[in-house]
Amino acid sequence: MQVKIQSIHFDADRHLLEFIHKKVDKLGQYYDGVMGGEVFLRLEKAHDAQNKIAEIKIQTRTGDLFAKRQCRTFEEAVTESAEALSMQVKRHKEKVRGN
């Protein structure tokens, strides 16, 4: 699966990029209709520690699925977004199969 990663207003290191690819690639295991994905990483100008935002959009044959989380670290935000998307992908697969 092709995954595009965009870090907005900062440069993501190699470790973070590999972590994201690993998490997003797992989403393709749940449904063969997953064609690709986009990940957006942003730092929010907030005064608290939870200022890292990860947005993941997955393209399927029949539509797009999206999840966004804001956490203390990018790894945590990506993990939570990927978990939310895994549930969406599973539901989407069942919905498509039912038709």
PDB file of N, CA and C in Angstrom:
ATOM      1  N   MET A   1       0.849  -1.173   0.000  1.00  0.00           N
ATOM      2  CA  MET A   1       0.000   0.000   0.000  1.00  0.00           C
ATOM      3  C   MET A   1       0.896   1.238   0.000  1.00  0.00           C
ATOM      4  N   GLN A   2       0.539   2.192  -0.821  1.00  0.00           N
ATOM      5  CA  GLN A   2       1.300   3.434  -0.885  1.00  0.00           C
ATOM      6  C   GLN A   2       0.793   4.404   0.192  1.00  0.00           C
ATOM      7  N   VAL A   3       1.728   4.914   0.989  1.00  0.00           N
ATOM      8  CA  VAL A   3       1.393   5.832   2.070  1.00  0.00           C
ATOM      9  C   VAL A   3       2.189   7.119   1.883  1.00  0.00           C
ATOM     10  N   LYS A   4       1.474   8.245   1.831  1.00  0.00           N
ATOM     11  CA  LYS A   4       2.117   9.551   1.736  1.00  0.00           C
ATOM     12  C   LYS A   4       2.080  10.192   3.121  1.00  0.00           C
ATOM     13  N   ILE A   5       3.220  10.682   3.558  1.00  0.00           N
ATOM     14  CA  ILE A   5       3.315  11.304   4.883  1.00  0.00           C
ATOM     15  C   ILE A   5       3.733  12.749   4.708  1.00  0.00           C
ATOM     16  N   GLN A   6       2.957  13.646   5.314  1.00  0.00           N
ATOM     17  CA  GLN A   6       3.284  15.068   5.277  1.00  0.00           C
ATOM     18  C   GLN A   6       3.385  15.590   6.701  1.00  0.00           C
ATOM     19  N   SER A   7       4.541  16.132   7.022  1.00  0.00           N
ATOM     20  CA  SER A   7       4.713  16.771   8.330  1.00  0.00           C
ATOM     21  C   SER A   7       4.676  18.275   8.092  1.00  0.00           C
ATOM     22  N   ILE A   8       3.766  18.922   8.756  1.00  0.00           N
ATOM     23  CA  ILE A   8       3.504  20.343   8.529  1.00  0.00           C
ATOM     24  C   ILE A   8       4.269  21.168   9.552  1.00  0.00           C
ATOM     25  N   HIS A   9       5.127  22.057   9.072  1.00  0.00           N
ATOM     26  CA  HIS A   9       5.929  22.990   9.869  1.00  0.00           C
ATOM     27  C   HIS A   9       7.030  22.325  10.694  1.00  0.00           C
ATOM     28  N   PHE A  10       7.418  21.092  10.338  1.00  0.00           N
ATOM     29  CA  PHE A  10       8.564  20.445  10.967  1.00  0.00           C
ATOM     30  C   PHE A  10       8.983  19.277  10.076  1.00  0.00           C
ATOM     31  N   ASP A  11      10.169  18.742  10.316  1.00  0.00           N
ATOM     32  CA  ASP A  11      10.671  17.597   9.569  1.00  0.00           C
ATOM     33  C   ASP A  11      10.620  16.360  10.464  1.00  0.00           C
ATOM     34  N   ALA A  12       9.904  15.344  10.007  1.00  0.00           N
ATOM     35  CA  ALA A  12       9.808  14.093  10.765  1.00  0.00           C
ATOM     36  C   ALA A  12      11.084  13.287  10.574  1.00  0.00           C
ATOM     37  N   ASP A  13      11.550  12.672  11.650  1.00  0.00           N
ATOM     38  CA  ASP A  13      12.766  11.854  11.546  1.00  0.00           C
ATOM     39  C   ASP A  13      12.449  10.472  10.968  1.00  0.00           C
ATOM     40  N   ARG A  14      13.486   9.755  10.610  1.00  0.00           N
ATOM     41  CA  ARG A  14      13.352   8.453   9.960  1.00  0.00           C
ATOM     42  C   ARG A  14      12.617   7.452  10.849  1.00  0.00           C
ATOM     43  N   HIS A  15      12.896   7.480  12.143  1.00  0.00           N
ATOM     44  CA  HIS A  15      12.249   6.561  13.089  1.00  0.00           C
ATOM     45  C   HIS A  15      10.729   6.757  13.077  1.00  0.00           C
ATOM     46  N   LEU A  16      10.284   7.998  13.110  1.00  0.00           N
ATOM     47  CA  LEU A  16       8.849   8.295  13.104  1.00  0.00           C
ATOM     48  C   LEU A  16       8.218   7.863  11.782  1.00  0.00           C
ATOM     49  N   LEU A  17       8.895   8.102  10.674  1.00  0.00           N
ATOM     50  CA  LEU A  17       8.361   7.718   9.363  1.00  0.00           C
ATOM     51  C   LEU A  17       8.213   6.196   9.255  1.00  0.00           C
ATOM     52  N   GLU A  18       9.198   5.455   9.740  1.00  0.00           N
ATOM     53  CA  GLU A  18       9.123   3.995   9.723  1.00  0.00           C
ATOM     54  C   GLU A  18       7.986   3.500  10.610  1.00  0.00           C
ATOM     55  N   PHE A  19       7.819   4.131  11.771  1.00  0.00           N
ATOM     56  CA  PHE A  19       6.742   3.771  12.691  1.00  0.00           C
ATOM     57  C   PHE A  19       5.377   3.968  12.022  1.00  0.00           C
ATOM     58  N   ILE A  20       5.216   5.087  11.324  1.00  0.00           N
ATOM     59  CA  ILE A  20       3.948   5.391  10.662  1.00  0.00           C
ATOM     60  C   ILE A  20       3.673   4.380   9.552  1.00  0.00           C
ATOM     61  N   HIS A  21       4.683   4.088   8.734  1.00  0.00           N
ATOM     62  CA  HIS A  21       4.497   3.110   7.662  1.00  0.00           C
ATOM     63  C   HIS A  21       4.074   1.757   8.218  1.00  0.00           C
ATOM     64  N   LYS A  22       4.683   1.348   9.311  1.00  0.00           N
ATOM     65  CA  LYS A  22       4.361   0.064   9.934  1.00  0.00           C
ATOM     66  C   LYS A  22       2.903   0.028  10.393  1.00  0.00           C
ATOM     67  N   LYS A  23       2.455   1.089  11.052  1.00  0.00           N
ATOM     68  CA  LYS A  23       1.086   1.140  11.569  1.00  0.00           C
ATOM     69  C   LYS A  23       0.053   1.202  10.448  1.00  0.00           C
ATOM     70  N   VAL A  24       0.311   2.026   9.440  1.00  0.00           N
ATOM     71  CA  VAL A  24      -0.665   2.210   8.374  1.00  0.00           C
ATOM     72  C   VAL A  24      -0.699   0.992   7.451  1.00  0.00           C
ATOM     73  N   ASP A  25       0.429   0.363   7.221  1.00  0.00           N
ATOM     74  CA  ASP A  25       0.452  -0.839   6.383  1.00  0.00           C
ATOM     75  C   ASP A  25      -0.388  -1.965   6.972  1.00  0.00           C
ATOM     76  N   LYS A  26      -0.478  -2.029   8.289  1.00  0.00           N
ATOM     77  CA  LYS A  26      -1.289  -3.064   8.939  1.00  0.00           C
ATOM     78  C   LYS A  26      -2.768  -2.930   8.588  1.00  0.00           C
ATOM     79  N   LEU A  27      -3.217  -1.727   8.254  1.00  0.00           N
ATOM     80  CA  LEU A  27      -4.629  -1.522   7.932  1.00  0.00           C
ATOM     81  C   LEU A  27      -5.024  -2.274   6.664  1.00  0.00           C
ATOM     82  N   GLY A  28      -4.074  -2.487   5.774  1.00  0.00           N
ATOM     83  CA  GLY A  28      -4.352  -3.226   4.553  1.00  0.00           C
ATOM     84  C   GLY A  28      -4.605  -4.704   4.792  1.00  0.00           C
ATOM     85  N   GLN A  29      -4.224  -5.217   5.947  1.00  0.00           N
ATOM     86  CA  GLN A  29      -4.453  -6.623   6.276  1.00  0.00           C
ATOM     87  C   GLN A  29      -5.928  -6.920   6.514  1.00  0.00           C
ATOM     88  N   TYR A  30      -6.678  -5.924   6.940  1.00  0.00           N
ATOM     89  CA  TYR A  30      -8.068  -6.141   7.304  1.00  0.00           C
ATOM     90  C   TYR A  30      -9.001  -6.188   6.096  1.00  0.00           C
ATOM     91  N   TYR A  31      -8.596  -5.519   4.996  1.00  0.00           N
ATOM     92  CA  TYR A  31      -9.492  -5.401   3.843  1.00  0.00           C
ATOM     93  C   TYR A  31      -8.658  -5.220   2.585  1.00  0.00           C
ATOM     94  N   ASP A  32      -8.920  -6.054   1.587  1.00  0.00           N
ATOM     95  CA  ASP A  32      -8.168  -5.994   0.332  1.00  0.00           C
ATOM     96  C   ASP A  32      -8.469  -4.723  -0.464  1.00  0.00           C
ATOM     97  N   GLY A  33      -9.569  -4.055  -0.162  1.00  0.00           N
ATOM     98  CA  GLY A  33      -9.973  -2.874  -0.912  1.00  0.00           C
ATOM     99  C   GLY A  33      -9.234  -1.603  -0.532  1.00  0.00           C
ATOM    100  N   VAL A  34      -8.321  -1.681   0.427  1.00  0.00           N
ATOM    101  CA  VAL A  34      -7.538  -0.503   0.812  1.00  0.00           C
ATOM    102  C   VAL A  34      -6.496  -0.254  -0.269  1.00  0.00           C
ATOM    103  N   MET A  35      -6.547   0.924  -0.873  1.00  0.00           N
ATOM    104  CA  MET A  35      -5.665   1.228  -1.997  1.00  0.00           C
ATOM    105  C   MET A  35      -4.476   2.095  -1.605  1.00  0.00           C
ATOM    106  N   GLY A  36      -4.628   2.964  -0.640  1.00  0.00           N
ATOM    107  CA  GLY A  36      -3.541   3.846  -0.250  1.00  0.00           C
ATOM    108  C   GLY A  36      -3.933   4.678   0.946  1.00  0.00           C
ATOM    109  N   GLY A  37      -3.000   5.501   1.393  1.00  0.00           N
ATOM    110  CA  GLY A  37      -3.280   6.327   2.552  1.00  0.00           C
ATOM    111  C   GLY A  37      -2.447   7.593   2.579  1.00  0.00           C
ATOM    112  N   GLU A  38      -2.927   8.544   3.348  1.00  0.00           N
ATOM    113  CA  GLU A  38      -2.218   9.798   3.572  1.00  0.00           C
ATOM    114  C   GLU A  38      -2.193  10.068   5.066  1.00  0.00           C
ATOM    115  N   VAL A  39      -1.051  10.535   5.541  1.00  0.00           N
ATOM    116  CA  VAL A  39      -0.892  10.864   6.955  1.00  0.00           C
ATOM    117  C   VAL A  39      -0.417  12.304   7.045  1.00  0.00           C
ATOM    118  N   PHE A  40      -1.104  13.089   7.864  1.00  0.00           N
ATOM    119  CA  PHE A  40      -0.730  14.474   8.100  1.00  0.00           C
ATOM    120  C   PHE A  40      -0.350  14.623   9.561  1.00  0.00           C
ATOM    121  N   LEU A  41       0.843  15.146   9.819  1.00  0.00           N
ATOM    122  CA  LEU A  41       1.323  15.381  11.182  1.00  0.00           C
ATOM    123  C   LEU A  41       1.433  16.881  11.387  1.00  0.00           C
ATOM    124  N   ARG A  42       0.871  17.369  12.484  1.00  0.00           N
ATOM    125  CA  ARG A  42       0.866  18.800  12.761  1.00  0.00           C
ATOM    126  C   ARG A  42       1.158  19.068  14.221  1.00  0.00           C
ATOM    127  N   LEU A  43       1.853  20.162  14.467  1.00  0.00           N
ATOM    128  CA  LEU A  43       2.032  20.661  15.829  1.00  0.00           C
ATOM    129  C   LEU A  43       1.036  21.794  16.040  1.00  0.00           C
ATOM    130  N   GLU A  44       0.195  21.641  17.030  1.00  0.00           N
ATOM    131  CA  GLU A  44      -0.797  22.655  17.355  1.00  0.00           C
ATOM    132  C   GLU A  44      -0.160  23.690  18.281  1.00  0.00           C
ATOM    133  N   LYS A  45      -0.467  24.918  18.076  1.00  0.00           N
ATOM    134  CA  LYS A  45       0.069  25.972  18.951  1.00  0.00           C
ATOM    135  C   LYS A  45      -0.785  26.045  20.210  1.00  0.00           C
ATOM    136  N   ALA A  46      -0.549  25.079  21.070  1.00  0.00           N
ATOM    137  CA  ALA A  46      -1.295  25.010  22.320  1.00  0.00           C
ATOM    138  C   ALA A  46      -0.315  25.107  23.483  1.00  0.00           C
ATOM    139  N   HIS A  47      -0.830  25.501  24.616  1.00  0.00           N
ATOM    140  CA  HIS A  47       0.021  25.670  25.793  1.00  0.00           C
ATOM    141  C   HIS A  47       0.142  24.390  26.619  1.00  0.00           C
ATOM    142  N   ASP A  48      -0.693  23.401  26.307  1.00  0.00           N
ATOM    143  CA  ASP A  48      -0.575  22.145  27.048  1.00  0.00           C
ATOM    144  C   ASP A  48       0.309  21.168  26.283  1.00  0.00           C
ATOM    145  N   ALA A  49       0.590  20.038  26.882  1.00  0.00           N
ATOM    146  CA  ALA A  49       1.525  19.068  26.304  1.00  0.00           C
ATOM    147  C   ALA A  49       0.911  18.261  25.166  1.00  0.00           C
ATOM    148  N   GLN A  50      -0.416  18.215  25.084  1.00  0.00           N
ATOM    149  CA  GLN A  50      -1.072  17.428  24.039  1.00  0.00           C
ATOM    150  C   GLN A  50      -1.261  18.279  22.786  1.00  0.00           C
ATOM    151  N   ASN A  51      -0.154  18.568  22.111  1.00  0.00           N
ATOM    152  CA  ASN A  51      -0.220  19.455  20.951  1.00  0.00           C
ATOM    153  C   ASN A  51       0.179  18.778  19.654  1.00  0.00           C
ATOM    154  N   LYS A  52       0.322  17.443  19.651  1.00  0.00           N
ATOM    155  CA  LYS A  52       0.684  16.719  18.435  1.00  0.00           C
ATOM    156  C   LYS A  52      -0.565  16.090  17.825  1.00  0.00           C
ATOM    157  N   ILE A  53      -0.802  16.379  16.542  1.00  0.00           N
ATOM    158  CA  ILE A  53      -2.004  15.911  15.855  1.00  0.00           C
ATOM    159  C   ILE A  53      -1.598  15.004  14.705  1.00  0.00           C
ATOM    160  N   ALA A  54      -2.259  13.862  14.624  1.00  0.00           N
ATOM    161  CA  ALA A  54      -2.075  12.942  13.502  1.00  0.00           C
ATOM    162  C   ALA A  54      -3.427  12.723  12.836  1.00  0.00           C
ATOM    163  N   GLU A  55      -3.470  12.937  11.533  1.00  0.00           N
ATOM    164  CA  GLU A  55      -4.666  12.698  10.739  1.00  0.00           C
ATOM    165  C   GLU A  55      -4.316  11.636   9.708  1.00  0.00           C
ATOM    166  N   ILE A  56      -5.118  10.583   9.635  1.00  0.00           N
ATOM    167  CA  ILE A  56      -4.874   9.510   8.674  1.00  0.00           C
ATOM    168  C   ILE A  56      -6.122   9.358   7.810  1.00  0.00           C
ATOM    169  N   LYS A  57      -5.913   9.364   6.498  1.00  0.00           N
ATOM    170  CA  LYS A  57      -6.991   9.154   5.536  1.00  0.00           C
ATOM    171  C   LYS A  57      -6.632   7.935   4.702  1.00  0.00           C
ATOM    172  N   ILE A  58      -7.544   6.984   4.635  1.00  0.00           N
ATOM    173  CA  ILE A  58      -7.347   5.753   3.876  1.00  0.00           C
ATOM    174  C   ILE A  58      -8.305   5.761   2.692  1.00  0.00           C
ATOM    175  N   GLN A  59      -7.768   5.487   1.507  1.00  0.00           N
ATOM    176  CA  GLN A  59      -8.600   5.379   0.319  1.00  0.00           C
ATOM    177  C   GLN A  59      -8.950   3.915   0.076  1.00  0.00           C
ATOM    178  N   THR A  60     -10.234   3.641  -0.081  1.00  0.00           N
ATOM    179  CA  THR A  60     -10.702   2.307  -0.449  1.00  0.00           C
ATOM    180  C   THR A  60     -11.371   2.405  -1.812  1.00  0.00           C
ATOM    181  N   ARG A  61     -11.742   1.271  -2.358  1.00  0.00           N
ATOM    182  CA  ARG A  61     -12.392   1.262  -3.672  1.00  0.00           C
ATOM    183  C   ARG A  61     -13.722   2.001  -3.660  1.00  0.00           C
ATOM    184  N   THR A  62     -14.391   2.017  -2.520  1.00  0.00           N
ATOM    185  CA  THR A  62     -15.736   2.590  -2.460  1.00  0.00           C
ATOM    186  C   THR A  62     -15.816   3.911  -1.699  1.00  0.00           C
ATOM    187  N   GLY A  63     -14.699   4.415  -1.198  1.00  0.00           N
ATOM    188  CA  GLY A  63     -14.730   5.678  -0.467  1.00  0.00           C
ATOM    189  C   GLY A  63     -13.528   5.844   0.435  1.00  0.00           C
ATOM    190  N   ASP A  64     -13.505   6.951   1.144  1.00  0.00           N
ATOM    191  CA  ASP A  64     -12.401   7.272   2.042  1.00  0.00           C
ATOM    192  C   ASP A  64     -12.820   7.088   3.495  1.00  0.00           C
ATOM    193  N   LEU A  65     -11.857   6.706   4.320  1.00  0.00           N
ATOM    194  CA  LEU A  65     -12.051   6.601   5.771  1.00  0.00           C
ATOM    195  C   LEU A  65     -11.042   7.538   6.429  1.00  0.00           C
ATOM    196  N   PHE A  66     -11.432   8.157   7.555  1.00  0.00           N
ATOM    197  CA  PHE A  66     -10.605   9.201   8.149  1.00  0.00           C
ATOM    198  C   PHE A  66     -10.622   9.091   9.672  1.00  0.00           C
ATOM    199  N   ALA A  67      -9.465   9.374  10.281  1.00  0.00           N
ATOM    200  CA  ALA A  67      -9.369   9.450  11.742  1.00  0.00           C
ATOM    201  C   ALA A  67      -8.363  10.532  12.114  1.00  0.00           C
ATOM    202  N   LYS A  68      -8.650  11.224  13.206  1.00  0.00           N
ATOM    203  CA  LYS A  68      -7.783  12.305  13.686  1.00  0.00           C
ATOM    204  C   LYS A  68      -7.691  12.207  15.199  1.00  0.00           C
ATOM    205  N   ARG A  69      -6.468  12.275  15.726  1.00  0.00           N
ATOM    206  CA  ARG A  69      -6.262  12.229  17.173  1.00  0.00           C
ATOM    207  C   ARG A  69      -5.211  13.260  17.574  1.00  0.00           C
ATOM    208  N   GLN A  70      -5.363  13.786  18.790  1.00  0.00           N
ATOM    209  CA  GLN A  70      -4.414  14.748  19.342  1.00  0.00           C
ATOM    210  C   GLN A  70      -3.893  14.183  20.658  1.00  0.00           C
ATOM    211  N   CYS A  71      -2.567  14.037  20.761  1.00  0.00           N
ATOM    212  CA  CYS A  71      -1.951  13.400  21.927  1.00  0.00           C
ATOM    213  C   CYS A  71      -0.644  14.100  22.303  1.00  0.00           C
ATOM    214  N   ARG A  72       0.046  13.529  23.304  1.00  0.00           N
ATOM    215  CA  ARG A  72       1.331  14.064  23.758  1.00  0.00           C
ATOM    216  C   ARG A  72       2.461  13.806  22.762  1.00  0.00           C
ATOM    217  N   THR A  73       2.439  12.640  22.095  1.00  0.00           N
ATOM    218  CA  THR A  73       3.487  12.299  21.139  1.00  0.00           C
ATOM    219  C   THR A  73       2.851  11.925  19.801  1.00  0.00           C
ATOM    220  N   PHE A  74       3.639  12.029  18.741  1.00  0.00           N
ATOM    221  CA  PHE A  74       3.137  11.637  17.432  1.00  0.00           C
ATOM    222  C   PHE A  74       2.893  10.135  17.369  1.00  0.00           C
ATOM    223  N   GLU A  75       3.740   9.359  18.035  1.00  0.00           N
ATOM    224  CA  GLU A  75       3.567   7.914  18.039  1.00  0.00           C
ATOM    225  C   GLU A  75       2.225   7.523  18.651  1.00  0.00           C
ATOM    226  N   GLU A  76       1.886   8.165  19.752  1.00  0.00           N
ATOM    227  CA  GLU A  76       0.612   7.893  20.424  1.00  0.00           C
ATOM    228  C   GLU A  76      -0.565   8.325  19.546  1.00  0.00           C
ATOM    229  N   ALA A  77      -0.455   9.483  18.916  1.00  0.00           N
ATOM    230  CA  ALA A  77      -1.526   9.978  18.052  1.00  0.00           C
ATOM    231  C   ALA A  77      -1.714   9.075  16.837  1.00  0.00           C
ATOM    232  N   VAL A  78      -0.629   8.613  16.243  1.00  0.00           N
ATOM    233  CA  VAL A  78      -0.712   7.713  15.095  1.00  0.00           C
ATOM    234  C   VAL A  78      -1.313   6.376  15.507  1.00  0.00           C
ATOM    235  N   THR A  79      -0.889   5.850  16.652  1.00  0.00           N
ATOM    236  CA  THR A  79      -1.415   4.576  17.139  1.00  0.00           C
ATOM    237  C   THR A  79      -2.916   4.659  17.364  1.00  0.00           C
ATOM    238  N   GLU A  80      -3.379   5.702  18.036  1.00  0.00           N
ATOM    239  CA  GLU A  80      -4.807   5.849  18.305  1.00  0.00           C
ATOM    240  C   GLU A  80      -5.601   6.046  17.015  1.00  0.00           C
ATOM    241  N   SER A  81      -5.068   6.816  16.078  1.00  0.00           N
ATOM    242  CA  SER A  81      -5.739   7.013  14.791  1.00  0.00           C
ATOM    243  C   SER A  81      -5.825   5.705  14.018  1.00  0.00           C
ATOM    244  N   ALA A  82      -4.737   4.946  14.023  1.00  0.00           N
ATOM    245  CA  ALA A  82      -4.722   3.665  13.309  1.00  0.00           C
ATOM    246  C   ALA A  82      -5.707   2.678  13.938  1.00  0.00           C
ATOM    247  N   GLU A  83      -5.824   2.680  15.260  1.00  0.00           N
ATOM    248  CA  GLU A  83      -6.785   1.793  15.924  1.00  0.00           C
ATOM    249  C   GLU A  83      -8.217   2.174  15.552  1.00  0.00           C
ATOM    250  N   ALA A  84      -8.498   3.466  15.516  1.00  0.00           N
ATOM    251  CA  ALA A  84      -9.829   3.925  15.117  1.00  0.00           C
ATOM    252  C   ALA A  84     -10.111   3.531  13.661  1.00  0.00           C
ATOM    253  N   LEU A  85      -9.123   3.676  12.814  1.00  0.00           N
ATOM    254  CA  LEU A  85      -9.305   3.307  11.413  1.00  0.00           C
ATOM    255  C   LEU A  85      -9.457   1.806  11.229  1.00  0.00           C
ATOM    256  N   SER A  86      -8.791   1.009  12.042  1.00  0.00           N
ATOM    257  CA  SER A  86      -8.942  -0.443  11.906  1.00  0.00           C
ATOM    258  C   SER A  86     -10.390  -0.854  12.162  1.00  0.00           C
ATOM    259  N   MET A  87     -11.022  -0.226  13.134  1.00  0.00           N
ATOM    260  CA  MET A  87     -12.440  -0.498  13.397  1.00  0.00           C
ATOM    261  C   MET A  87     -13.300  -0.052  12.217  1.00  0.00           C
ATOM    262  N   GLN A  88     -12.992   1.118  11.661  1.00  0.00           N
ATOM    263  CA  GLN A  88     -13.745   1.614  10.509  1.00  0.00           C
ATOM    264  C   GLN A  88     -13.570   0.695   9.297  1.00  0.00           C
ATOM    265  N   VAL A  89     -12.348   0.231   9.072  1.00  0.00           N
ATOM    266  CA  VAL A  89     -12.079  -0.650   7.937  1.00  0.00           C
ATOM    267  C   VAL A  89     -12.845  -1.959   8.093  1.00  0.00           C
ATOM    268  N   LYS A  90     -12.852  -2.515   9.294  1.00  0.00           N
ATOM    269  CA  LYS A  90     -13.578  -3.762   9.534  1.00  0.00           C
ATOM    270  C   LYS A  90     -15.072  -3.579   9.299  1.00  0.00           C
ATOM    271  N   ARG A  91     -15.637  -2.467   9.799  1.00  0.00           N
ATOM    272  CA  ARG A  91     -17.060  -2.189   9.580  1.00  0.00           C
ATOM    273  C   ARG A  91     -17.353  -1.975   8.095  1.00  0.00           C
ATOM    274  N   HIS A  92     -16.453  -1.270   7.427  1.00  0.00           N
ATOM    275  CA  HIS A  92     -16.629  -0.999   6.005  1.00  0.00           C
ATOM    276  C   HIS A  92     -16.603  -2.297   5.205  1.00  0.00           C
ATOM    277  N   LYS A  93     -15.712  -3.199   5.579  1.00  0.00           N
ATOM    278  CA  LYS A  93     -15.603  -4.497   4.901  1.00  0.00           C
ATOM    279  C   LYS A  93     -16.913  -5.286   5.048  1.00  0.00           C
ATOM    280  N   GLU A  94     -17.451  -5.305   6.249  1.00  0.00           N
ATOM    281  CA  GLU A  94     -18.717  -6.020   6.482  1.00  0.00           C
ATOM    282  C   GLU A  94     -19.861  -5.379   5.706  1.00  0.00           C
ATOM    283  N   LYS A  95     -19.874  -4.066   5.650  1.00  0.00           N
ATOM    284  CA  LYS A  95     -20.919  -3.346   4.928  1.00  0.00           C
ATOM    285  C   LYS A  95     -20.850  -3.672   3.429  1.00  0.00           C
ATOM    286  N   VAL A  96     -19.657  -3.681   2.875  1.00  0.00           N
ATOM    287  CA  VAL A  96     -19.485  -3.965   1.456  1.00  0.00           C
ATOM    288  C   VAL A  96     -19.853  -5.412   1.155  1.00  0.00           C
ATOM    289  N   ARG A  97     -19.478  -6.329   2.043  1.00  0.00           N
ATOM    290  CA  ARG A  97     -19.807  -7.738   1.864  1.00  0.00           C
ATOM    291  C   ARG A  97     -21.314  -7.973   1.914  1.00  0.00           C
ATOM    292  N   GLY A  98     -21.996  -7.215   2.761  1.00  0.00           N
ATOM    293  CA  GLY A  98     -23.441  -7.380   2.917  1.00  0.00           C
ATOM    294  C   GLY A  98     -24.225  -6.965   1.699  1.00  0.00           C
ATOM    295  N   ASN A  99     -23.635  -6.107   0.871  1.00  0.00           N
ATOM    296  CA  ASN A  99     -24.352  -5.622  -0.329  1.00  0.00           C
ATOM    297  C   ASN A  99     -24.231  -6.566  -1.484  1.00  0.00           C
TER     298      ASN A  99
END
